[in-house]
Protein backbone atom coordinates (compact mmCIF):
# COMPACT_ATOMS: atom_id res chain seq x y z
CA LEU A 1 -3.17 -13.77 -11.91
CA ILE A 2 -6.86 -15.71 -11.65
CA ASN A 3 -7.85 -18.60 -14.75
CA SER A 4 -11.76 -17.64 -12.96
CA GLY A 5 -13.05 -14.99 -14.70
CA TYR A 6 -11.79 -12.68 -12.00
CA GLU A 7 -9.29 -9.54 -12.57
CA LEU A 8 -7.75 -7.26 -9.66
CA VAL A 9 -6.29 -3.64 -9.62
CA GLU A 10 -3.89 -3.66 -6.75
CA GLY A 11 -2.03 -0.58 -5.29
CA ASP A 12 1.83 0.33 -5.96
CA SER A 13 1.59 0.35 -3.19
CA ALA A 14 11.48 2.40 4.47
CA SER A 15 13.18 0.40 5.81
CA ASP A 16 12.06 -3.11 7.59
CA GLU A 17 14.99 -2.17 10.61
CA ASP A 18 15.01 -4.18 13.57
CA ASP A 19 13.99 -0.89 16.28
CA GLY A 20 15.86 -4.17 18.33
CA SER A 21 12.81 -3.75 21.43
CA ASP A 22 10.73 -6.75 22.53
CA ASN A 23 7.68 -5.13 22.64
CA GLU A 24 5.00 -8.01 22.06
CA ASN A 25 1.17 -8.27 24.21
CA SER A 26 0.82 -11.66 25.45
CA SER A 27 -2.72 -11.05 23.69
CA GLY A 28 -0.67 -11.69 20.23
CA VAL A 29 -0.93 -7.88 18.62
CA SER A 30 2.72 -6.44 18.90
CA ALA A 31 3.62 -2.59 17.57
CA ASP A 32 7.23 -4.03 16.48
CA GLY A 33 6.44 -5.77 13.52
CA GLU A 34 5.51 -9.09 14.19
CA GLY A 35 3.93 -9.37 10.70
CA SER A 36 7.59 -8.22 8.81
CA ALA A 37 8.50 -10.29 6.19
CA ASP A 38 11.22 -12.16 7.90
CA THR A 39 8.01 -13.76 10.37
CA LEU A 40 5.43 -14.12 7.83
CA ASP A 41 4.81 -17.56 6.29
CA PHE A 42 2.90 -16.41 3.06
CA SER A 43 2.19 -20.23 2.39
CA GLU A 44 0.45 -20.47 5.55
CA ILE A 45 -3.53 -20.03 5.04
CA THR A 46 -5.26 -19.80 8.86
CA GLY A 47 -9.05 -20.00 8.98
CA GLU A 48 -10.20 -17.51 11.76
CA THR A 49 -13.97 -15.76 12.03
CA LEU A 50 -14.41 -12.34 12.23
CA SER A 51 -18.48 -12.17 13.68
CA GLY A 52 -20.44 -9.31 12.78
CA ASP A 53 -23.87 -8.40 14.30
CA ASP A 54 -25.45 -10.50 10.96
CA THR A 55 -22.41 -11.30 9.01
CA GLU A 56 -19.34 -13.81 9.85
CA ILE A 57 -16.31 -13.28 7.56
CA THR A 58 -13.01 -15.11 7.89
CA SER A 59 -9.80 -14.11 8.31
CA LEU A 60 -6.78 -16.90 5.64
CA PHE A 61 -3.92 -14.70 5.95
CA ILE A 62 -1.85 -14.94 9.16
CA GLY A 63 -0.75 -11.41 9.76
CA ASN A 64 -4.47 -10.79 11.01
CA SER A 65 -3.93 -14.02 13.51
CA GLY A 66 -5.41 -13.10 16.57
CA LEU A 67 -7.82 -10.93 15.59
CA ALA A 68 -10.83 -12.77 15.99
CA ASP A 69 -10.24 -13.81 19.81
CA LEU A 70 -8.72 -10.43 20.71
CA LEU A 71 -12.88 -9.30 19.70
CA ASN A 72 -14.48 -12.06 20.94
CA ASN A 73 -12.92 -10.62 24.49
CA ALA A 74 -13.46 -7.36 24.19
CA GLU A 75 -16.08 -5.46 25.91
CA GLU A 76 -17.77 -2.73 24.11
CA SER A 77 -16.86 0.19 24.58
CA ASP A 78 -18.55 3.96 25.44
CA ALA A 79 -15.10 6.23 24.18
CA ASP A 80 -15.67 8.11 20.82
CA ILE A 81 -13.42 7.42 17.73
CA GLU A 82 -12.65 10.96 18.28
CA ASP A 83 -11.30 9.81 21.52
CA VAL A 84 -9.67 7.10 20.24
CA LEU A 85 -7.89 8.13 17.84
CA LYS A 86 -5.18 10.84 17.37
CA PRO A 87 -5.87 13.74 15.04
CA THR A 88 -3.48 13.53 12.06
CA GLU A 89 -1.73 16.80 13.63
CA ASP A 90 -0.14 15.50 16.31
CA ILE A 91 1.06 12.46 14.04
CA THR A 92 4.83 13.11 12.91
CA THR A 93 6.79 10.51 11.66
CA TYR A 94 6.56 6.54 11.98
CA PHE A 95 7.25 3.33 9.86
CA ALA A 96 3.97 1.15 8.14
CA GLU A 97 4.64 -1.99 6.39
CA THR A 98 0.98 -2.87 4.30
CA TYR A 99 0.40 -6.84 3.00
CA MET A 100 -1.95 -7.88 0.57
CA VAL A 101 -2.71 -11.74 0.42
CA ILE A 102 -5.67 -13.20 -2.74
CA HIS A 103 -7.22 -16.16 -2.96
CA ALA A 104 -9.20 -17.13 -6.07
CA PHE A 105 -11.17 -20.36 -4.53
CA GLY A 106 -12.69 -22.59 -7.34
CA ALA A 107 -16.73 -23.96 -7.50
CA GLY A 108 -16.97 -26.42 -3.55
CA SER A 109 -13.59 -25.95 -2.46
CA ASP A 110 -12.16 -24.65 0.71
CA THR A 111 -8.34 -24.89 -0.51
CA PRO A 112 -7.47 -21.79 -3.07
CA ALA A 113 -7.22 -23.13 -6.81
CA GLU A 114 -4.37 -19.87 -6.92
CA SER A 115 -3.06 -16.96 -4.60
CA ASP A 116 -0.98 -14.25 -5.00
CA ILE A 117 1.09 -11.73 -2.36
CA ALA A 118 2.04 -8.45 -2.45
CA GLY A 119 3.93 -6.08 0.14
CA LEU A 120 5.53 -2.32 0.34
CA THR A 121 6.76 -1.32 3.95
CA ALA A 122 8.09 2.33 4.46
CA GLU A 123 9.35 5.14 6.46
CA ILE A 124 7.20 8.07 6.24
CA ASP A 125 7.41 12.02 7.61
CA GLU A 126 3.92 13.60 7.66
CA LYS A 127 5.42 16.93 9.49
CA ASP A 128 5.39 19.23 6.28
CA GLY A 129 3.94 17.02 3.72
CA PHE A 130 3.88 13.66 2.61
CA GLU A 131 7.61 11.94 2.47
CA VAL A 132 7.92 8.60 2.14
CA PHE A 133 10.98 6.02 1.60
CA SER A 134 9.50 3.10 0.61
CA GLN A 135 10.65 -1.30 0.26
CA VAL A 136 8.22 -3.41 -2.46
CA TYR A 137 8.29 -7.14 -0.85
CA ASP A 138 9.84 -9.17 -4.01
CA LYS A 139 8.17 -12.58 -3.56
CA GLU A 140 10.21 -14.69 -5.86
CA ALA A 141 13.44 -13.35 -3.31
CA GLY A 142 11.41 -13.74 -0.36
CA GLU A 143 12.65 -9.99 0.64
CA LEU A 144 12.43 -6.57 0.71
CA ILE A 145 14.12 -4.04 -2.15
CA PRO A 146 14.57 -0.32 -2.43
CA ASN A 147 11.35 0.92 -4.87
CA ILE A 148 10.52 4.72 -4.53
CA TYR A 149 11.41 7.83 -2.55
CA ALA A 150 9.46 11.40 -2.69
CA SER A 151 8.56 14.36 -1.36
CA PRO A 152 6.92 17.31 -2.03
CA ASP A 153 9.99 18.42 -4.33
CA GLN A 154 11.49 15.31 -5.77
CA PHE A 155 10.14 11.76 -6.80
CA ALA A 156 12.94 8.55 -7.36
CA ALA A 157 12.77 5.37 -8.39
CA PHE A 158 15.09 2.30 -7.53
CA ASP A 159 15.12 0.03 -11.23
CA GLY A 160 17.11 -2.55 -9.78
CA ASN A 161 20.53 -0.67 -10.18
CA GLY A 162 20.37 2.55 -9.28
CA TRP A 163 18.13 5.45 -8.23
CA ILE A 164 16.48 7.26 -10.99
CA ASP A 165 15.12 11.26 -10.94
CA GLN A 166 11.46 11.17 -12.46
CA THR A 167 10.38 14.43 -10.34
CA GLY A 168 7.27 15.77 -11.59
CA THR A 169 5.59 11.85 -13.11
CA ALA A 170 3.65 11.32 -9.33
CA GLU A 171 2.71 12.84 -6.17
CA SER A 172 4.53 12.04 -2.69
CA GLU A 173 1.25 10.40 -1.23
CA GLU A 174 0.54 7.96 -4.52
CA VAL A 175 4.10 6.39 -2.97
CA PHE A 176 1.75 4.48 0.33
CA TYR A 177 -1.98 4.65 0.39
CA GLY A 178 -2.42 3.75 3.85
CA SER A 179 -0.77 6.31 5.58
CA TYR A 180 -1.92 7.30 8.22
CA THR A 181 -3.87 10.11 7.26
CA ASN A 182 -5.69 8.29 5.08
CA LEU A 183 -7.06 5.59 7.59
CA HIS A 184 -7.81 8.38 9.64
CA GLU A 185 -10.23 10.01 7.43
CA ALA A 186 -11.29 6.65 6.41
CA PHE A 187 -12.61 5.66 9.67
CA MET A 188 -13.90 9.29 10.35
CA GLU A 189 -15.88 9.29 7.24
CA ASN A 190 -17.31 5.54 8.51
CA SER A 191 -18.47 6.82 11.94
CA ASP A 192 -21.79 5.94 11.82
CA LEU A 193 -21.15 2.34 10.84
CA LEU A 194 -17.89 1.79 13.23
CA ASP A 195 -18.27 -0.39 16.65
CA ILE A 196 -15.63 0.28 19.39
CA SER A 197 -14.89 -2.49 22.09
CA GLU A 198 -12.24 -2.51 24.32
CA ASP A 199 -9.92 -4.75 26.56
CA ASP A 200 -7.28 -3.88 29.06
CA GLU A 201 -4.79 -3.18 26.36
CA PHE A 202 -6.49 -2.54 23.04
CA TYR A 203 -9.31 -0.44 21.69
CA PHE A 204 -10.91 -2.11 18.28
CA ILE A 205 -12.80 0.00 16.39
CA TYR A 206 -14.50 -2.69 13.55
CA ASN A 207 -17.18 -3.22 11.16
CA ILE A 208 -17.83 -7.13 9.61
CA GLY A 209 -20.78 -6.77 7.54
CA ASP A 210 -21.67 -6.25 3.77
CA GLU A 211 -21.63 -2.33 3.90
CA GLU A 212 -20.03 -0.78 0.72
CA SER A 213 -19.30 1.88 2.24
CA LEU A 214 -16.02 -0.07 3.38
CA HIS A 215 -14.91 -1.30 0.31
CA GLU A 216 -14.95 2.86 -0.95
CA THR A 217 -13.13 3.96 1.54
CA PHE A 218 -10.89 1.41 3.40
CA GLY A 219 -11.09 -0.60 -0.36
CA SER A 220 -10.00 2.59 -1.96
CA ILE A 221 -7.22 3.51 -0.22
CA PHE A 222 -5.08 0.37 -0.52
CA ASN A 223 -6.66 0.58 -4.55
CA VAL A 224 -8.57 -2.75 -4.69
CA GLU A 225 -10.83 -2.77 -6.98
CA TYR A 226 -13.27 -6.11 -8.11
CA THR A 227 -13.59 -6.54 -11.48
CA GLY A 228 -15.88 -10.38 -13.05
CA ALA A 229 -17.22 -10.69 -9.66
CA ASN A 230 -20.58 -10.41 -8.33
CA THR A 231 -19.92 -6.39 -5.74
CA ASP A 232 -23.79 -6.79 -4.83
CA GLU A 233 -22.85 -9.96 -2.68
CA MET A 234 -19.78 -8.60 -1.63
CA GLU A 235 -18.28 -8.95 2.09
CA ASN A 236 -16.19 -6.42 3.77
CA ALA A 237 -14.31 -6.44 7.31
CA VAL A 238 -12.08 -3.98 8.42
CA VAL A 239 -10.88 -3.84 12.38
CA GLY A 240 -8.38 -0.57 13.48
CA VAL A 241 -6.28 -1.36 16.82
CA VAL A 242 -5.53 1.09 19.00
CA ASP A 243 -2.97 0.78 21.88
CA LYS A 244 -4.51 2.28 24.75
CA ALA A 245 -0.79 3.20 26.45
CA SER A 246 0.19 4.66 24.04
CA GLY A 247 -2.65 6.30 21.99
CA ASP A 248 -1.01 4.86 18.62
CA LEU A 249 -3.05 2.40 15.82
CA ILE A 250 -0.82 0.02 15.35
CA HIS A 251 -2.75 -2.46 13.09
CA ILE A 252 -5.49 -2.11 10.53
CA ALA A 253 -6.78 -5.15 8.83
CA TYR A 254 -9.38 -5.17 5.58
CA ILE A 255 -10.89 -8.32 4.33
CA SER A 256 -13.41 -8.74 1.66
CA THR A 257 -14.29 -11.14 -0.27
CA ALA A 258 -16.92 -11.45 -3.69
CA PRO A 259 -18.68 -13.79 -5.32
CA GLY A 260 -18.08 -14.19 -9.25
CA GLN A 261 -20.76 -13.10 -11.33
CA GLU A 262 -20.39 -16.01 -13.71
CA ASN A 263 -20.65 -19.06 -10.83
CA PRO A 264 -21.37 -18.00 -7.66
CA GLU A 265 -19.48 -20.73 -6.37
CA GLU A 266 -16.20 -19.62 -6.75
CA LYS A 267 -15.30 -16.64 -4.33
CA LEU A 268 -12.22 -14.08 -4.88
CA HIS A 269 -10.46 -13.15 -0.80
CA ILE A 270 -8.42 -10.31 -0.47
CA GLU A 271 -6.90 -9.97 2.97
CA ILE A 272 -4.49 -6.96 3.75
CA THR A 273 -3.30 -6.35 6.94
CA GLU A 274 -0.81 -3.00 7.76
CA GLN A 275 0.99 -2.95 11.12
CA ILE A 276 1.91 1.08 11.62
CA ARG A 277 4.38 1.53 15.00
CA ASP A 278 7.48 3.14 15.66
CA TYR A 279 6.24 6.98 15.85
CA GLY A 280 8.61 9.85 16.48
CA GLU A 281 11.74 7.38 15.23
CA PHE A 282 12.52 9.83 11.99
CA ASP A 283 11.65 13.25 14.13
CA ASP A 284 15.58 14.27 15.06
CA ASP A 285 17.26 12.44 11.80
CA GLY A 286 14.82 12.39 9.36
CA ILE A 287 13.56 9.18 7.23
CA THR A 288 15.82 7.37 4.52
CA VAL A 289 17.19 9.60 1.57
CA PRO A 290 18.97 8.15 -1.35
CA ASP A 291 21.28 9.43 -3.24
CA VAL A 292 19.62 10.07 -6.43
CA PRO A 293 21.59 11.71 -9.20
CA GLU A 294 20.20 14.46 -11.10
CA ALA A 295 18.12 14.26 -14.26
CA PRO A 296 19.74 16.09 -17.14
CA THR A 297 18.26 19.76 -17.93
CA ASP A 298 16.57 20.47 -21.11
CA ASP A 299 19.85 22.36 -22.55
CA GLU A 300 21.55 18.78 -21.83
CA GLU A 301 19.41 16.20 -23.05
CA THR A 302 19.60 18.57 -26.69
CA GLU A 303 23.12 18.75 -26.84
CA GLU A 304 23.56 15.07 -25.85
CA SER A 305 20.76 14.47 -29.09
CA GLY A 306 22.50 16.79 -31.30
CA SER A 307 26.46 14.67 -30.60
CA GLY A 308 26.20 12.10 -33.17
CA SER A 309 27.70 11.55 -36.20
CA ASP A 310 26.93 13.34 -39.35
CA GLU A 311 26.96 10.25 -41.11
CA SER A 312 24.19 9.46 -39.63
CA SER A 313 22.03 9.97 -42.60
CA GLY A 314 18.42 9.76 -42.85
CA SER A 315 17.66 10.64 -39.21
CA THR A 316 15.77 13.46 -38.02
CA GLN A 317 13.99 15.13 -35.40
CA ASP A 318 10.98 13.87 -34.85
CA GLY A 319 8.07 16.15 -36.79
CA LEU A 320 10.68 17.23 -39.57
CA CYS A 321 9.87 17.25 -43.34
CA VAL A 322 11.60 17.54 -46.32
CA GLY A 323 12.61 21.06 -47.11
CA ASP A 324 12.19 21.95 -42.99
CA SER A 325 15.39 23.88 -41.29
CA ALA A 326 16.20 23.64 -37.33
CA GLU A 327 18.60 24.95 -35.02
CA LEU A 328 21.05 22.77 -33.71
CA ASN A 329 23.88 23.28 -31.69
CA GLY A 330 24.62 26.68 -33.44
CA MET A 331 24.14 25.40 -36.81
CA THR A 332 21.47 25.57 -39.20
CA LEU A 333 20.07 22.42 -40.84
CA THR A 334 17.45 21.43 -43.25
CA VAL A 335 15.72 17.98 -44.46
CA GLU A 336 16.61 18.01 -47.86
CA ASP A 337 15.85 14.15 -48.84
CA VAL A 338 14.54 11.61 -46.52
CA SER A 339 15.41 7.40 -46.68
């Protein structure tokens, strides 16, 4: 990605369905997917200042536009975080989408030398275990394509032509890191660092500063890791927006910047926006479950591997040496020579 000495490890991180609603708040934050791939201009770089007690961080991603004004116009709240965020046991199903932009700035430049974008959407069911259907943002095509389906019993990946059963290779929780449960845990873990403010429509749970704990928790959720950067000078910001009317967590912003180790005038800027909407949408019908062909059993794979012609002399099973024998399709085969 970067030629300036930085490296970045990104998380792996649903269908992008239009629910037909037109529920956009006058404040600019919406719960109906305003930040989805078909409406975001990823080439546009904004510049809005988020102010903390002793730190200011510039938001550069259009997916987080409007948050600075909302925070500036909000008032300090007496609400406790336990009262603002719904407990995880109250969460059933929802639709989430996350986008990450990365900008590398050269020394003394306000224009990124290089940039990149990654995105993932997901239908999620947390009622019983963790079930997810995800799509990944294809930046070349500018659209979402099927990615992974996972449940406690199955794991399948889309290879561009069809679904491949890969059950046992990963856990379903590893498909989409920004789940409500993970975010709730991160907010609670940092509750002593977070401020809460409010306006007529929203609660804001936030911290803007140099707290390393924010990177260790929220950065870990989105699997962001710096190398080649001076993390001692890293600055982080996290903002969670909760809709007062519904009590739903609808928007999460995470911003992290760090100067280069070799040249402190260089800077890497990582910004994430996640929107969660349609709580309860999949309670009745369930999330999308693709048609995944069953993987062959061990017996079927053994039979297939032994169905070749006897003319393929010189081919042997791995691990067999001259003089060794093996059972194959009811016959005993002995390796007499290898060339």
